[in-house]
Amino acid sequence: MRYKSSAVFSVQSRTVVVVNVKKIVGLLAIALLLFFVFTQPDNAAGSVTSVGTTLRDGAESVIRFVTQLV
C-alpha cells in the first residue's frame, strides 16, 4: 500500500511541475510579445495585420467552400 501511494504522489508532483512550466512559458511568451511591441511597434503592427489578413482569407475560403456544398 505504501508503494502505491508514493507512486500516486510522484505522479501528482509531475503534474504540478508541468502546470508551472506551462505558466512560465506563457508568461515568457507574453513578455516577449510586449517587448516586441514596445521596441518595434511598426513591425508588430505589420505582423498583426498579416495574421488578421490570413485569418480573414481562411474564413472566406471556408465560407466559399460551404456555399458551394449547398
C-alpha atoms as a PDB file:
ATOM      1  CA  MET A   1       0.000   0.000   0.000  1.00  0.00           C
ATOM      2  CA  ARG A   2       2.745   2.458   0.809  1.00  0.00           C
ATOM      3  CA  TYR A   3       4.391   1.876  -2.533  1.00  0.00           C
ATOM      4  CA  LYS A   4       1.198   2.652  -4.440  1.00  0.00           C
ATOM      5  CA  SER A   5       0.510   5.836  -2.507  1.00  0.00           C
ATOM      6  CA  SER A   6       4.055   7.101  -3.055  1.00  0.00           C
ATOM      7  CA  ALA A   7       3.709   6.391  -6.787  1.00  0.00           C
ATOM      8  CA  VAL A   8       0.497   8.418  -6.896  1.00  0.00           C
ATOM      9  CA  PHE A   9       2.254  11.241  -5.044  1.00  0.00           C
ATOM     10  CA  SER A  10       5.058  11.137  -7.604  1.00  0.00           C
ATOM     11  CA  VAL A  11       2.598  11.414 -10.499  1.00  0.00           C
ATOM     12  CA  GLN A  12       0.843  14.322  -8.827  1.00  0.00           C
ATOM     13  CA  SER A  13       4.171  16.102  -8.348  1.00  0.00           C
ATOM     14  CA  ARG A  14       4.931  15.762 -12.052  1.00  0.00           C
ATOM     15  CA  THR A  15       1.561  17.242 -12.917  1.00  0.00           C
ATOM     16  CA  VAL A  16       2.240  20.254 -10.724  1.00  0.00           C
ATOM     17  CA  VAL A  17       5.636  20.787 -12.353  1.00  0.00           C
ATOM     18  CA  VAL A  18       4.131  20.597 -15.859  1.00  0.00           C
ATOM     19  CA  VAL A  19       1.488  23.176 -14.958  1.00  0.00           C
ATOM     20  CA  ASN A  20       4.151  25.507 -13.592  1.00  0.00           C
ATOM     21  CA  VAL A  21       6.269  25.119 -16.724  1.00  0.00           C
ATOM     22  CA  LYS A  22       3.242  25.923 -18.894  1.00  0.00           C
ATOM     23  CA  LYS A  23       2.585  29.067 -16.867  1.00  0.00           C
ATOM     24  CA  ILE A  24       6.215  30.137 -17.106  1.00  0.00           C
ATOM     25  CA  VAL A  25       6.319  29.558 -20.865  1.00  0.00           C
ATOM     26  CA  GLY A  26       3.071  31.501 -21.275  1.00  0.00           C
ATOM     27  CA  LEU A  27       4.370  34.417 -19.245  1.00  0.00           C
ATOM     28  CA  LEU A  28       7.624  34.438 -21.202  1.00  0.00           C
ATOM     29  CA  ALA A  29       5.698  34.472 -24.484  1.00  0.00           C
ATOM     30  CA  ILE A  30       3.612  37.428 -23.292  1.00  0.00           C
ATOM     31  CA  ALA A  31       6.745  39.244 -22.114  1.00  0.00           C
ATOM     32  CA  LEU A  32       8.415  38.651 -25.486  1.00  0.00           C
ATOM     33  CA  LEU A  33       5.328  39.904 -27.299  1.00  0.00           C
ATOM     34  CA  LEU A  34       5.221  43.070 -25.193  1.00  0.00           C
ATOM     35  CA  PHE A  35       8.948  43.621 -25.739  1.00  0.00           C
ATOM     36  CA  PHE A  36       8.418  43.285 -29.490  1.00  0.00           C
ATOM     37  CA  VAL A  37       5.517  45.768 -29.415  1.00  0.00           C
ATOM     38  CA  PHE A  38       7.460  48.348 -27.388  1.00  0.00           C
ATOM     39  CA  THR A  39      10.742  48.092 -29.288  1.00  0.00           C
ATOM     40  CA  GLN A  40       9.399  47.674 -32.844  1.00  0.00           C
ATOM     41  CA  PRO A  41       5.809  48.934 -32.971  1.00  0.00           C
ATOM     42  CA  ASP A  42       5.707  49.234 -36.776  1.00  0.00           C
ATOM     43  CA  ASN A  43       6.841  45.649 -37.298  1.00  0.00           C
ATOM     44  CA  ALA A  44       4.439  44.433 -34.602  1.00  0.00           C
ATOM     45  CA  ALA A  45       1.537  46.220 -36.286  1.00  0.00           C
ATOM     46  CA  GLY A  46       2.523  44.702 -39.618  1.00  0.00           C
ATOM     47  CA  SER A  47       2.606  41.242 -38.068  1.00  0.00           C
ATOM     48  CA  VAL A  48      -0.851  41.674 -36.534  1.00  0.00           C
ATOM     49  CA  THR A  49      -2.207  42.941 -39.846  1.00  0.00           C
ATOM     50  CA  SER A  50      -0.691  39.969 -41.653  1.00  0.00           C
ATOM     51  CA  VAL A  51      -2.192  37.481 -39.183  1.00  0.00           C
ATOM     52  CA  GLY A  52      -5.581  39.209 -39.434  1.00  0.00           C
ATOM     53  CA  THR A  53      -5.482  39.081 -43.222  1.00  0.00           C
ATOM     54  CA  THR A  54      -4.568  35.395 -43.166  1.00  0.00           C
ATOM     55  CA  LEU A  55      -7.422  34.589 -40.768  1.00  0.00           C
ATOM     56  CA  ARG A  56      -9.896  36.592 -42.867  1.00  0.00           C
ATOM     57  CA  ASP A  57      -8.802  34.852 -46.071  1.00  0.00           C
ATOM     58  CA  GLY A  58      -9.135  31.470 -44.376  1.00  0.00           C
ATOM     59  CA  ALA A  59     -12.629  32.283 -43.133  1.00  0.00           C
ATOM     60  CA  GLU A  60     -13.671  33.471 -46.595  1.00  0.00           C
ATOM     61  CA  SER A  61     -12.348  30.241 -48.116  1.00  0.00           C
ATOM     62  CA  VAL A  62     -14.334  28.126 -45.651  1.00  0.00           C
ATOM     63  CA  ILE A  63     -17.483  30.165 -46.352  1.00  0.00           C
ATOM     64  CA  ARG A  64     -16.969  29.771 -50.097  1.00  0.00           C
ATOM     65  CA  PHE A  65     -16.496  26.010 -49.660  1.00  0.00           C
ATOM     66  CA  VAL A  66     -19.647  25.605 -47.560  1.00  0.00           C
ATOM     67  CA  THR A  67     -21.618  27.753 -50.001  1.00  0.00           C
ATOM     68  CA  GLN A  68     -20.548  25.514 -52.886  1.00  0.00           C
ATOM     69  CA  LEU A  69     -21.729  22.434 -50.967  1.00  0.00           C
ATOM     70  CA  VAL A  70     -25.222  23.831 -50.512  1.00  0.00           C
END
